Amino acid sequence: GRIDTWLKTTPTLGPTATLHAVADRIGVMAGWAAGLATTGTILAVVE
């Protein structure tokens, strides 16, 4: 029953954001989320 929570935010990109900026933002979020998995993770649940 031990719970830990995290929240990650990224800055909003404007309508003129480059593909590079969008790809970086996706990479930051994906890297953060996947990086939370450890050797103790027996199951990941994704919405």
ModelCIF file with pLDDT and N, C-alpha, C, O atoms, coordinates in Angstrom:
data_MODEL
#
_entry.id   MODEL 
#
_entity.id                         1 
_entity.type                       polymer 
_entity.pdbx_number_of_molecules   1 
#
_entity_poly.entity_id                      1 
_entity_poly.type                           'polypeptide(L)' 
_entity_poly.nstd_linkage                   no 
_entity_poly.nstd_monomer                   no 
_entity_poly.pdbx_seq_one_letter_code       GRIDTWLKTTPTLGPTATLHAVADRIGVMAGWAAGLATTGTILAVVE 
_entity_poly.pdbx_seq_one_letter_code_can   GRIDTWLKTTPTLGPTATLHAVADRIGVMAGWAAGLATTGTILAVVE 
_entity_poly.pdbx_strand_id                 A 
#
loop_
_entity_poly_seq.entity_id 
_entity_poly_seq.num 
_entity_poly_seq.mon_id 
_entity_poly_seq.hetero 
1 1  GLY n 
1 2  ARG n 
1 3  ILE n 
1 4  ASP n 
1 5  THR n 
1 6  TRP n 
1 7  LEU n 
1 8  LYS n 
1 9  THR n 
1 10 THR n 
1 11 PRO n 
1 12 THR n 
1 13 LEU n 
1 14 GLY n 
1 15 PRO n 
1 16 THR n 
1 17 ALA n 
1 18 THR n 
1 19 LEU n 
1 20 HIS n 
1 21 ALA n 
1 22 VAL n 
1 23 ALA n 
1 24 ASP n 
1 25 ARG n 
1 26 ILE n 
1 27 GLY n 
1 28 VAL n 
1 29 MET n 
1 30 ALA n 
1 31 GLY n 
1 32 TRP n 
1 33 ALA n 
1 34 ALA n 
1 35 GLY n 
1 36 LEU n 
1 37 ALA n 
1 38 THR n 
1 39 THR n 
1 40 GLY n 
1 41 THR n 
1 42 ILE n 
1 43 LEU n 
1 44 ALA n 
1 45 VAL n 
1 46 VAL n 
1 47 GLU n 
#
_struct_asym.id          A 
_struct_asym.entity_id   1 
#
loop_
_ma_qa_metric.id 
_ma_qa_metric.mode 
_ma_qa_metric.name 
_ma_qa_metric.software_group_id 
_ma_qa_metric.type 
1 global pLDDT . pLDDT 
2 local  pLDDT . pLDDT 
#
_ma_qa_metric_global.metric_id      1 
_ma_qa_metric_global.metric_value   93.47 
_ma_qa_metric_global.model_id       1 
_ma_qa_metric_global.ordinal_id     1 
#
loop_
_ma_qa_metric_local.label_asym_id 
_ma_qa_metric_local.label_comp_id 
_ma_qa_metric_local.label_seq_id 
_ma_qa_metric_local.metric_id 
_ma_qa_metric_local.metric_value 
_ma_qa_metric_local.model_id 
_ma_qa_metric_local.ordinal_id 
A GLY 1  2 90.00 1 1  
A ARG 2  2 93.00 1 2  
A ILE 3  2 95.00 1 3  
A ASP 4  2 96.00 1 4  
A THR 5  2 97.00 1 5  
A TRP 6  2 97.00 1 6  
A LEU 7  2 97.00 1 7  
A LYS 8  2 97.00 1 8  
A THR 9  2 95.00 1 9  
A THR 10 2 92.00 1 10 
A PRO 11 2 88.00 1 11 
A THR 12 2 87.00 1 12 
A LEU 13 2 85.00 1 13 
A GLY 14 2 84.00 1 14 
A PRO 15 2 84.00 1 15 
A THR 16 2 87.00 1 16 
A ALA 17 2 85.00 1 17 
A THR 18 2 91.00 1 18 
A LEU 19 2 91.00 1 19 
A HIS 20 2 93.00 1 20 
A ALA 21 2 91.00 1 21 
A VAL 22 2 89.00 1 22 
A ALA 23 2 92.00 1 23 
A ASP 24 2 93.00 1 24 
A ARG 25 2 93.00 1 25 
A ILE 26 2 92.00 1 26 
A GLY 27 2 94.00 1 27 
A VAL 28 2 95.00 1 28 
A MET 29 2 95.00 1 29 
A ALA 30 2 95.00 1 30 
A GLY 31 2 95.00 1 31 
A TRP 32 2 97.00 1 32 
A ALA 33 2 97.00 1 33 
A ALA 34 2 96.00 1 34 
A GLY 35 2 96.00 1 35 
A LEU 36 2 97.00 1 36 
A ALA 37 2 96.00 1 37 
A THR 38 2 95.00 1 38 
A THR 39 2 94.00 1 39 
A GLY 40 2 96.00 1 40 
A THR 41 2 97.00 1 41 
A ILE 42 2 97.00 1 42 
A LEU 43 2 98.00 1 43 
A ALA 44 2 98.00 1 44 
A VAL 45 2 98.00 1 45 
A VAL 46 2 98.00 1 46 
A GLU 47 2 95.00 1 47 
#
loop_
_atom_site.group_PDB 
_atom_site.id 
_atom_site.type_symbol 
_atom_site.label_atom_id 
_atom_site.label_alt_id 
_atom_site.label_comp_id 
_atom_site.label_asym_id 
_atom_site.label_entity_id 
_atom_site.label_seq_id 
_atom_site.pdbx_PDB_ins_code 
_atom_site.Cartn_x 
_atom_site.Cartn_y 
_atom_site.Cartn_z 
_atom_site.occupancy 
_atom_site.B_iso_or_equiv 
_atom_site.pdbx_formal_charge 
_atom_site.auth_seq_id 
_atom_site.auth_comp_id 
_atom_site.auth_asym_id 
_atom_site.auth_atom_id 
_atom_site.pdbx_PDB_model_num 
ATOM 1   N N  . GLY A 1 1  ? 0.767  -1.242 0.000   1.00 90.00 ? 1  GLY A N  1 
ATOM 2   C CA . GLY A 1 1  ? 0.000  0.000  0.000   1.00 90.00 ? 1  GLY A CA 1 
ATOM 3   C C  . GLY A 1 1  ? 0.793  1.284  0.000   1.00 90.00 ? 1  GLY A C  1 
ATOM 4   O O  . GLY A 1 1  ? 0.231  2.344  0.277   1.00 90.00 ? 1  GLY A O  1 
ATOM 5   N N  . ARG A 1 2  ? 2.078  1.231  -0.300  1.00 93.00 ? 2  ARG A N  1 
ATOM 6   C CA . ARG A 1 2  ? 2.863  2.473  -0.368  1.00 93.00 ? 2  ARG A CA 1 
ATOM 7   C C  . ARG A 1 2  ? 2.684  3.117  -1.739  1.00 93.00 ? 2  ARG A C  1 
ATOM 8   O O  . ARG A 1 2  ? 2.891  2.476  -2.769  1.00 93.00 ? 2  ARG A O  1 
ATOM 9   N N  . ILE A 1 3  ? 2.299  4.388  -1.737  1.00 95.00 ? 3  ILE A N  1 
ATOM 10  C CA . ILE A 1 3  ? 2.061  5.132  -2.967  1.00 95.00 ? 3  ILE A CA 1 
ATOM 11  C C  . ILE A 1 3  ? 3.064  6.270  -3.074  1.00 95.00 ? 3  ILE A C  1 
ATOM 12  O O  . ILE A 1 3  ? 3.349  6.964  -2.099  1.00 95.00 ? 3  ILE A O  1 
ATOM 13  N N  . ASP A 1 4  ? 3.595  6.447  -4.287  1.00 96.00 ? 4  ASP A N  1 
ATOM 14  C CA . ASP A 1 4  ? 4.383  7.631  -4.618  1.00 96.00 ? 4  ASP A CA 1 
ATOM 15  C C  . ASP A 1 4  ? 3.796  8.203  -5.893  1.00 96.00 ? 4  ASP A C  1 
ATOM 16  O O  . ASP A 1 4  ? 3.374  7.453  -6.773  1.00 96.00 ? 4  ASP A O  1 
ATOM 17  N N  . THR A 1 5  ? 3.763  9.528  -6.004  1.00 97.00 ? 5  THR A N  1 
ATOM 18  C CA . THR A 1 5  ? 3.243  10.167 -7.213  1.00 97.00 ? 5  THR A CA 1 
ATOM 19  C C  . THR A 1 5  ? 4.226  11.213 -7.718  1.00 97.00 ? 5  THR A C  1 
ATOM 20  O O  . THR A 1 5  ? 5.044  11.749 -6.970  1.00 97.00 ? 5  THR A O  1 
ATOM 21  N N  . TRP A 1 6  ? 4.116  11.485 -9.021  1.00 97.00 ? 6  TRP A N  1 
ATOM 22  C CA . TRP A 1 6  ? 4.941  12.506 -9.670  1.00 97.00 ? 6  TRP A CA 1 
ATOM 23  C C  . TRP A 1 6  ? 4.103  13.245 -10.694 1.00 97.00 ? 6  TRP A C  1 
ATOM 24  O O  . TRP A 1 6  ? 3.141  12.705 -11.240 1.00 97.00 ? 6  TRP A O  1 
ATOM 25  N N  . LEU A 1 7  ? 4.483  14.489 -10.945 1.00 97.00 ? 7  LEU A N  1 
ATOM 26  C CA . LEU A 1 7  ? 3.865  15.289 -11.990 1.00 97.00 ? 7  LEU A CA 1 
ATOM 27  C C  . LEU A 1 7  ? 4.984  15.919 -12.808 1.00 97.00 ? 7  LEU A C  1 
ATOM 28  O O  . LEU A 1 7  ? 5.925  16.486 -12.251 1.00 97.00 ? 7  LEU A O  1 
ATOM 29  N N  . LYS A 1 8  ? 4.883  15.819 -14.120 1.00 97.00 ? 8  LYS A N  1 
ATOM 30  C CA . LYS A 1 8  ? 5.863  16.412 -15.027 1.00 97.00 ? 8  LYS A CA 1 
ATOM 31  C C  . LYS A 1 8  ? 5.141  17.401 -15.929 1.00 97.00 ? 8  LYS A C  1 
ATOM 32  O O  . LYS A 1 8  ? 4.083  17.087 -16.474 1.00 97.00 ? 8  LYS A O  1 
ATOM 33  N N  . THR A 1 9  ? 5.701  18.585 -16.089 1.00 95.00 ? 9  THR A N  1 
ATOM 34  C CA . THR A 1 9  ? 5.139  19.577 -16.992 1.00 95.00 ? 9  THR A CA 1 
ATOM 35  C C  . THR A 1 9  ? 6.190  20.015 -18.000 1.00 95.00 ? 9  THR A C  1 
ATOM 36  O O  . THR A 1 9  ? 7.391  19.946 -17.738 1.00 95.00 ? 9  THR A O  1 
ATOM 37  N N  . THR A 1 10 ? 5.723  20.459 -19.141 1.00 92.00 ? 10 THR A N  1 
ATOM 38  C CA . THR A 1 10 ? 6.609  21.041 -20.146 1.00 92.00 ? 10 THR A CA 1 
ATOM 39  C C  . THR A 1 10 ? 6.006  22.353 -20.601 1.00 92.00 ? 10 THR A C  1 
ATOM 40  O O  . THR A 1 10 ? 4.789  22.527 -20.544 1.00 92.00 ? 10 THR A O  1 
ATOM 41  N N  . PRO A 1 11 ? 6.838  23.280 -21.053 1.00 88.00 ? 11 PRO A N  1 
ATOM 42  C CA . PRO A 1 11 ? 6.303  24.559 -21.535 1.00 88.00 ? 11 PRO A CA 1 
ATOM 43  C C  . PRO A 1 11 ? 5.464  24.359 -22.808 1.00 88.00 ? 11 PRO A C  1 
ATOM 44  O O  . PRO A 1 11 ? 5.758  23.497 -23.637 1.00 88.00 ? 11 PRO A O  1 
ATOM 45  N N  . THR A 1 12 ? 4.436  25.164 -22.934 1.00 87.00 ? 12 THR A N  1 
ATOM 46  C CA . THR A 1 12 ? 3.598  25.126 -24.128 1.00 87.00 ? 12 THR A CA 1 
ATOM 47  C C  . THR A 1 12 ? 4.367  25.700 -25.304 1.00 87.00 ? 12 THR A C  1 
ATOM 48  O O  . THR A 1 12 ? 5.061  26.709 -25.180 1.00 87.00 ? 12 THR A O  1 
ATOM 49  N N  . LEU A 1 13 ? 4.233  25.047 -26.433 1.00 85.00 ? 13 LEU A N  1 
ATOM 50  C CA . LEU A 1 13 ? 4.863  25.541 -27.658 1.00 85.00 ? 13 LEU A CA 1 
ATOM 51  C C  . LEU A 1 13 ? 3.848  26.367 -28.431 1.00 85.00 ? 13 LEU A C  1 
ATOM 52  O O  . LEU A 1 13 ? 2.657  26.054 -28.445 1.00 85.00 ? 13 LEU A O  1 
ATOM 53  N N  . GLY A 1 14 ? 4.323  27.411 -29.064 1.00 84.00 ? 14 GLY A N  1 
ATOM 54  C CA . GLY A 1 14 ? 3.442  28.256 -29.859 1.00 84.00 ? 14 GLY A CA 1 
ATOM 55  C C  . GLY A 1 14 ? 3.110  27.625 -31.198 1.00 84.00 ? 14 GLY A C  1 
ATOM 56  O O  . GLY A 1 14 ? 3.630  26.565 -31.548 1.00 84.00 ? 14 GLY A O  1 
ATOM 57  N N  . PRO A 1 15 ? 2.235  28.291 -31.945 1.00 84.00 ? 15 PRO A N  1 
ATOM 58  C CA . PRO A 1 15 ? 1.800  27.754 -33.234 1.00 84.00 ? 15 PRO A CA 1 
ATOM 59  C C  . PRO A 1 15 ? 2.916  27.706 -34.292 1.00 84.00 ? 15 PRO A C  1 
ATOM 60  O O  . PRO A 1 15 ? 2.770  27.047 -35.322 1.00 84.00 ? 15 PRO A O  1 
ATOM 61  N N  . THR A 1 16 ? 4.010  28.395 -34.036 1.00 87.00 ? 16 THR A N  1 
ATOM 62  C CA . THR A 1 16 ? 5.115  28.392 -35.001 1.00 87.00 ? 16 THR A CA 1 
ATOM 63  C C  . THR A 1 16 ? 6.254  27.474 -34.566 1.00 87.00 ? 16 THR A C  1 
ATOM 64  O O  . THR A 1 16 ? 7.371  27.586 -35.070 1.00 87.00 ? 16 THR A O  1 
ATOM 65  N N  . ALA A 1 17 ? 5.974  26.572 -33.634 1.00 85.00 ? 17 ALA A N  1 
ATOM 66  C CA . ALA A 1 17 ? 7.010  25.660 -33.141 1.00 85.00 ? 17 ALA A CA 1 
ATOM 67  C C  . ALA A 1 17 ? 7.553  24.807 -34.286 1.00 85.00 ? 17 ALA A C  1 
ATOM 68  O O  . ALA A 1 17 ? 6.809  24.360 -35.160 1.00 85.00 ? 17 ALA A O  1 
ATOM 69  N N  . THR A 1 18 ? 8.837  24.599 -34.257 1.00 91.00 ? 18 THR A N  1 
ATOM 70  C CA . THR A 1 18 ? 9.477  23.785 -35.290 1.00 91.00 ? 18 THR A CA 1 
ATOM 71  C C  . THR A 1 18 ? 9.264  22.306 -35.001 1.00 91.00 ? 18 THR A C  1 
ATOM 72  O O  . THR A 1 18 ? 8.926  21.923 -33.881 1.00 91.00 ? 18 THR A O  1 
ATOM 73  N N  . LEU A 1 19 ? 9.461  21.490 -36.010 1.00 91.00 ? 19 LEU A N  1 
ATOM 74  C CA . LEU A 1 19 ? 9.391  20.042 -35.807 1.00 91.00 ? 19 LEU A CA 1 
ATOM 75  C C  . LEU A 1 19 ? 10.398 19.592 -34.761 1.00 91.00 ? 19 LEU A C  1 
ATOM 76  O O  . LEU A 1 19 ? 10.125 18.698 -33.960 1.00 91.00 ? 19 LEU A O  1 
ATOM 77  N N  . HIS A 1 20 ? 11.568 20.225 -34.780 1.00 93.00 ? 20 HIS A N  1 
ATOM 78  C CA . HIS A 1 20 ? 12.608 19.890 -33.816 1.00 93.00 ? 20 HIS A CA 1 
ATOM 79  C C  . HIS A 1 20 ? 12.112 20.145 -32.383 1.00 93.00 ? 20 HIS A C  1 
ATOM 80  O O  . HIS A 1 20 ? 12.327 19.321 -31.495 1.00 93.00 ? 20 HIS A O  1 
ATOM 81  N N  . ALA A 1 21 ? 11.450 21.290 -32.165 1.00 91.00 ? 21 ALA A N  1 
ATOM 82  C CA . ALA A 1 21 ? 10.948 21.629 -30.831 1.00 91.00 ? 21 ALA A CA 1 
ATOM 83  C C  . ALA A 1 21 ? 9.863  20.645 -30.389 1.00 91.00 ? 21 ALA A C  1 
ATOM 84  O O  . ALA A 1 21 ? 9.842  20.221 -29.233 1.00 91.00 ? 21 ALA A O  1 
ATOM 85  N N  . VAL A 1 22 ? 8.968  20.285 -31.302 1.00 89.00 ? 22 VAL A N  1 
ATOM 86  C CA . VAL A 1 22 ? 7.902  19.341 -30.977 1.00 89.00 ? 22 VAL A CA 1 
ATOM 87  C C  . VAL A 1 22 ? 8.499  17.970 -30.660 1.00 89.00 ? 22 VAL A C  1 
ATOM 88  O O  . VAL A 1 22 ? 8.108  17.327 -29.687 1.00 89.00 ? 22 VAL A O  1 
ATOM 89  N N  . ALA A 1 23 ? 9.440  17.533 -31.484 1.00 92.00 ? 23 ALA A N  1 
ATOM 90  C CA . ALA A 1 23 ? 10.080 16.231 -31.256 1.00 92.00 ? 23 ALA A CA 1 
ATOM 91  C C  . ALA A 1 23 ? 10.827 16.220 -29.927 1.00 92.00 ? 23 ALA A C  1 
ATOM 92  O O  . ALA A 1 23 ? 10.806 15.215 -29.217 1.00 92.00 ? 23 ALA A O  1 
ATOM 93  N N  . ASP A 1 24 ? 11.482 17.318 -29.585 1.00 93.00 ? 24 ASP A N  1 
ATOM 94  C CA . ASP A 1 24 ? 12.177 17.407 -28.294 1.00 93.00 ? 24 ASP A CA 1 
ATOM 95  C C  . ASP A 1 24 ? 11.187 17.309 -27.133 1.00 93.00 ? 24 ASP A C  1 
ATOM 96  O O  . ASP A 1 24 ? 11.454 16.634 -26.138 1.00 93.00 ? 24 ASP A O  1 
ATOM 97  N N  . ARG A 1 25 ? 10.044 17.984 -27.263 1.00 93.00 ? 25 ARG A N  1 
ATOM 98  C CA . ARG A 1 25 ? 9.041  17.957 -26.198 1.00 93.00 ? 25 ARG A CA 1 
ATOM 99  C C  . ARG A 1 25 ? 8.511  16.530 -26.016 1.00 93.00 ? 25 ARG A C  1 
ATOM 100 O O  . ARG A 1 25 ? 8.343  16.064 -24.889 1.00 93.00 ? 25 ARG A O  1 
ATOM 101 N N  . ILE A 1 26 ? 8.251  15.851 -27.123 1.00 92.00 ? 26 ILE A N  1 
ATOM 102 C CA . ILE A 1 26 ? 7.804  14.467 -27.048 1.00 92.00 ? 26 ILE A CA 1 
ATOM 103 C C  . ILE A 1 26 ? 8.878  13.611 -26.374 1.00 92.00 ? 26 ILE A C  1 
ATOM 104 O O  . ILE A 1 26 ? 8.571  12.781 -25.518 1.00 92.00 ? 26 ILE A O  1 
ATOM 105 N N  . GLY A 1 27 ? 10.134 13.818 -26.763 1.00 94.00 ? 27 GLY A N  1 
ATOM 106 C CA . GLY A 1 27 ? 11.244 13.059 -26.184 1.00 94.00 ? 27 GLY A CA 1 
ATOM 107 C C  . GLY A 1 27 ? 11.414 13.296 -24.698 1.00 94.00 ? 27 GLY A C  1 
ATOM 108 O O  . GLY A 1 27 ? 11.711 12.365 -23.949 1.00 94.00 ? 27 GLY A O  1 
ATOM 109 N N  . VAL A 1 28 ? 11.231 14.531 -24.263 1.00 95.00 ? 28 VAL A N  1 
ATOM 110 C CA . VAL A 1 28 ? 11.357 14.856 -22.837 1.00 95.00 ? 28 VAL A CA 1 
ATOM 111 C C  . VAL A 1 28 ? 10.296 14.109 -22.029 1.00 95.00 ? 28 VAL A C  1 
ATOM 112 O O  . VAL A 1 28 ? 10.600 13.484 -21.013 1.00 95.00 ? 28 VAL A O  1 
ATOM 113 N N  . MET A 1 29 ? 9.052  14.183 -22.493 1.00 95.00 ? 29 MET A N  1 
ATOM 114 C CA . MET A 1 29 ? 7.970  13.506 -21.753 1.00 95.00 ? 29 MET A CA 1 
ATOM 115 C C  . MET A 1 29 ? 8.139  11.992 -21.789 1.00 95.00 ? 29 MET A C  1 
ATOM 116 O O  . MET A 1 29 ? 7.974  11.324 -20.769 1.00 95.00 ? 29 MET A O  1 
ATOM 117 N N  . ALA A 1 30 ? 8.466  11.453 -22.949 1.00 95.00 ? 30 ALA A N  1 
ATOM 118 C CA . ALA A 1 30 ? 8.618  9.995  -23.060 1.00 95.00 ? 30 ALA A CA 1 
ATOM 119 C C  . ALA A 1 30 ? 9.796  9.513  -22.221 1.00 95.00 ? 30 ALA A C  1 
ATOM 120 O O  . ALA A 1 30 ? 9.701  8.480  -21.558 1.00 95.00 ? 30 ALA A O  1 
ATOM 121 N N  . GLY A 1 31 ? 10.891 10.241 -22.243 1.00 95.00 ? 31 GLY A N  1 
ATOM 122 C CA . GLY A 1 31 ? 12.061 9.859  -21.457 1.00 95.00 ? 31 GLY A CA 1 
ATOM 123 C C  . GLY A 1 31 ? 11.777 9.889  -19.964 1.00 95.00 ? 31 GLY A C  1 
ATOM 124 O O  . GLY A 1 31 ? 12.186 8.994  -19.224 1.00 95.00 ? 31 GLY A O  1 
ATOM 125 N N  . TRP A 1 32 ? 11.069 10.932 -19.527 1.00 97.00 ? 32 TRP A N  1 
ATOM 126 C CA . TRP A 1 32 ? 10.719 11.043 -18.114 1.00 97.00 ? 32 TRP A CA 1 
ATOM 127 C C  . TRP A 1 32 ? 9.851  9.857  -17.692 1.00 97.00 ? 32 TRP A C  1 
ATOM 128 O O  . TRP A 1 32 ? 10.146 9.184  -16.705 1.00 97.00 ? 32 TRP A O  1 
ATOM 129 N N  . ALA A 1 33 ? 8.776  9.607  -18.450 1.00 97.00 ? 33 ALA A N  1 
ATOM 130 C CA . ALA A 1 33 ? 7.828  8.556  -18.081 1.00 97.00 ? 33 ALA A CA 1 
ATOM 131 C C  . ALA A 1 33 ? 8.485  7.179  -18.094 1.00 97.00 ? 33 ALA A C  1 
ATOM 132 O O  . ALA A 1 33 ? 8.360  6.424  -17.130 1.00 97.00 ? 33 ALA A O  1 
ATOM 133 N N  . ALA A 1 34 ? 9.177  6.852  -19.167 1.00 96.00 ? 34 ALA A N  1 
ATOM 134 C CA . ALA A 1 34 ? 9.821  5.534  -19.261 1.00 96.00 ? 34 ALA A CA 1 
ATOM 135 C C  . ALA A 1 34 ? 10.922 5.394  -18.216 1.00 96.00 ? 34 ALA A C  1 
ATOM 136 O O  . ALA A 1 34 ? 11.199 4.291  -17.745 1.00 96.00 ? 34 ALA A O  1 
ATOM 137 N N  . GLY A 1 35 ? 11.547 6.507  -17.855 1.00 96.00 ? 35 GLY A N  1 
ATOM 138 C CA . GLY A 1 35 ? 12.615 6.491  -16.861 1.00 96.00 ? 35 GLY A CA 1 
ATOM 139 C C  . GLY A 1 35 ? 12.141 6.177  -15.451 1.00 96.00 ? 35 GLY A C  1 
ATOM 140 O O  . GLY A 1 35 ? 12.959 5.882  -14.579 1.00 96.00 ? 35 GLY A O  1 
ATOM 141 N N  . LEU A 1 36 ? 10.841 6.235  -15.212 1.00 97.00 ? 36 LEU A N  1 
ATOM 142 C CA . LEU A 1 36 ? 10.307 5.891  -13.893 1.00 97.00 ? 36 LEU A CA 1 
ATOM 143 C C  . LEU A 1 36 ? 10.252 4.385  -13.665 1.00 97.00 ? 36 LEU A C  1 
ATOM 144 O O  . LEU A 1 36 ? 10.152 3.927  -12.526 1.00 97.00 ? 36 LEU A O  1 
ATOM 145 N N  . ALA A 1 37 ? 10.317 3.623  -14.741 1.00 96.00 ? 37 ALA A N  1 
ATOM 146 C CA . ALA A 1 37 ? 10.318 2.159  -14.612 1.00 96.00 ? 37 ALA A CA 1 
ATOM 147 C C  . ALA A 1 37 ? 11.663 1.710  -14.059 1.00 96.00 ? 37 ALA A C  1 
ATOM 148 O O  . ALA A 1 37 ? 12.714 2.172  -14.504 1.00 96.00 ? 37 ALA A O  1 
ATOM 149 N N  . THR A 1 38 ? 11.623 0.811  -13.092 1.00 95.00 ? 38 THR A N  1 
ATOM 150 C CA . THR A 1 38 ? 12.838 0.299  -12.472 1.00 95.00 ? 38 THR A CA 1 
ATOM 151 C C  . THR A 1 38 ? 12.818 -1.228 -12.528 1.00 95.00 ? 38 THR A C  1 
ATOM 152 O O  . THR A 1 38 ? 11.887 -1.833 -13.058 1.00 95.00 ? 38 THR A O  1 
ATOM 153 N N  . THR A 1 39 ? 13.845 -1.825 -11.980 1.00 94.00 ? 39 THR A N  1 
ATOM 154 C CA . THR A 1 39 ? 13.875 -3.294 -11.935 1.00 94.00 ? 39 THR A CA 1 
ATOM 155 C C  . THR A 1 39 ? 12.750 -3.836 -11.055 1.00 94.00 ? 39 THR A C  1 
ATOM 156 O O  . THR A 1 39 ? 12.412 -5.016 -11.155 1.00 94.00 ? 39 THR A O  1 
ATOM 157 N N  . GLY A 1 40 ? 12.167 -3.004 -10.200 1.00 96.00 ? 40 GLY A N  1 
ATOM 158 C CA . GLY A 1 40 ? 11.062 -3.431 -9.352  1.00 96.00 ? 40 GLY A CA 1 
ATOM 159 C C  . GLY A 1 40 ? 9.692  -3.304 -9.997  1.00 96.00 ? 40 GLY A C  1 
ATOM 160 O O  . GLY A 1 40 ? 8.693  -3.719 -9.409  1.00 96.00 ? 40 GLY A O  1 
ATOM 161 N N  . THR A 1 41 ? 9.628  -2.735 -11.201 1.00 97.00 ? 41 THR A N  1 
ATOM 162 C CA . THR A 1 41 ? 8.342  -2.552 -11.872 1.00 97.00 ? 41 THR A CA 1 
ATOM 163 C C  . THR A 1 41 ? 7.862  -3.894 -12.427 1.00 97.00 ? 41 THR A C  1 
ATOM 164 O O  . THR A 1 41 ? 8.435  -4.418 -13.382 1.00 97.00 ? 41 THR A O  1 
ATOM 165 N N  . ILE A 1 42 ? 6.810  -4.443 -11.823 1.00 97.00 ? 42 ILE A N  1 
ATOM 166 C CA . ILE A 1 42 ? 6.289  -5.738 -12.281 1.00 97.00 ? 42 ILE A CA 1 
ATOM 167 C C  . ILE A 1 42 ? 5.181  -5.580 -13.316 1.00 97.00 ? 42 ILE A C  1 
ATOM 168 O O  . ILE A 1 42 ? 4.867  -6.522 -14.044 1.00 97.00 ? 42 ILE A O  1 
ATOM 169 N N  . LEU A 1 43 ? 4.588  -4.389 -13.380 1.00 98.00 ? 43 LEU A N  1 
ATOM 170 C CA . LEU A 1 43 ? 3.518  -4.113 -14.320 1.00 98.00 ? 43 LEU A CA 1 
ATOM 171 C C  . LEU A 1 43 ? 3.442  -2.610 -14.528 1.00 98.00 ? 43 LEU A C  1 
ATOM 172 O O  . LEU A 1 43 ? 3.499  -1.841 -13.569 1.00 98.00 ? 43 LEU A O  1 
ATOM 173 N N  . ALA A 1 44 ? 3.313  -2.194 -15.780 1.00 98.00 ? 44 ALA A N  1 
ATOM 174 C CA . ALA A 1 44 ? 3.069  -0.788 -16.098 1.00 98.00 ? 44 ALA A CA 1 
ATOM 175 C C  . ALA A 1 44 ? 1.647  -0.672 -16.614 1.00 98.00 ? 44 ALA A C  1 
ATOM 176 O O  . ALA A 1 44 ? 1.201  -1.476 -17.432 1.00 98.00 ? 44 ALA A O  1 
ATOM 177 N N  . VAL A 1 45 ? 0.949  0.328  -16.131 1.00 98.00 ? 45 VAL A N  1 
ATOM 178 C CA . VAL A 1 45 ? -0.420 0.594  -16.566 1.00 98.00 ? 45 VAL A CA 1 
ATOM 179 C C  . VAL A 1 45 ? -0.413 1.969  -17.219 1.00 98.00 ? 45 VAL A C  1 
ATOM 180 O O  . VAL A 1 45 ? -0.009 2.962  -16.612 1.00 98.00 ? 45 VAL A O  1 
ATOM 181 N N  . VAL A 1 46 ? -0.866 2.007  -18.458 1.00 98.00 ? 46 VAL A N  1 
ATOM 182 C CA . VAL A 1 46 ? -0.856 3.251  -19.220 1.00 98.00 ? 46 VAL A CA 1 
ATOM 183 C C  . VAL A 1 46 ? -2.289 3.580  -19.612 1.00 98.00 ? 46 VAL A C  1 
ATOM 184 O O  . VAL A 1 46 ? -3.031 2.721  -20.090 1.00 98.00 ? 46 VAL A O  1 
ATOM 185 N N  . GLU A 1 47 ? -2.666 4.843  -19.400 1.00 95.00 ? 47 GLU A N  1 
ATOM 186 C CA . GLU A 1 47 ? -3.996 5.241  -19.830 1.00 95.00 ? 47 GLU A CA 1 
ATOM 187 C C  . GLU A 1 47 ? -4.040 5.243  -21.346 1.00 95.00 ? 47 GLU A C  1 
ATOM 188 O O  . GLU A 1 47 ? -5.078 5.551  -21.932 1.00 95.00 ? 47 GLU A O  1 
#
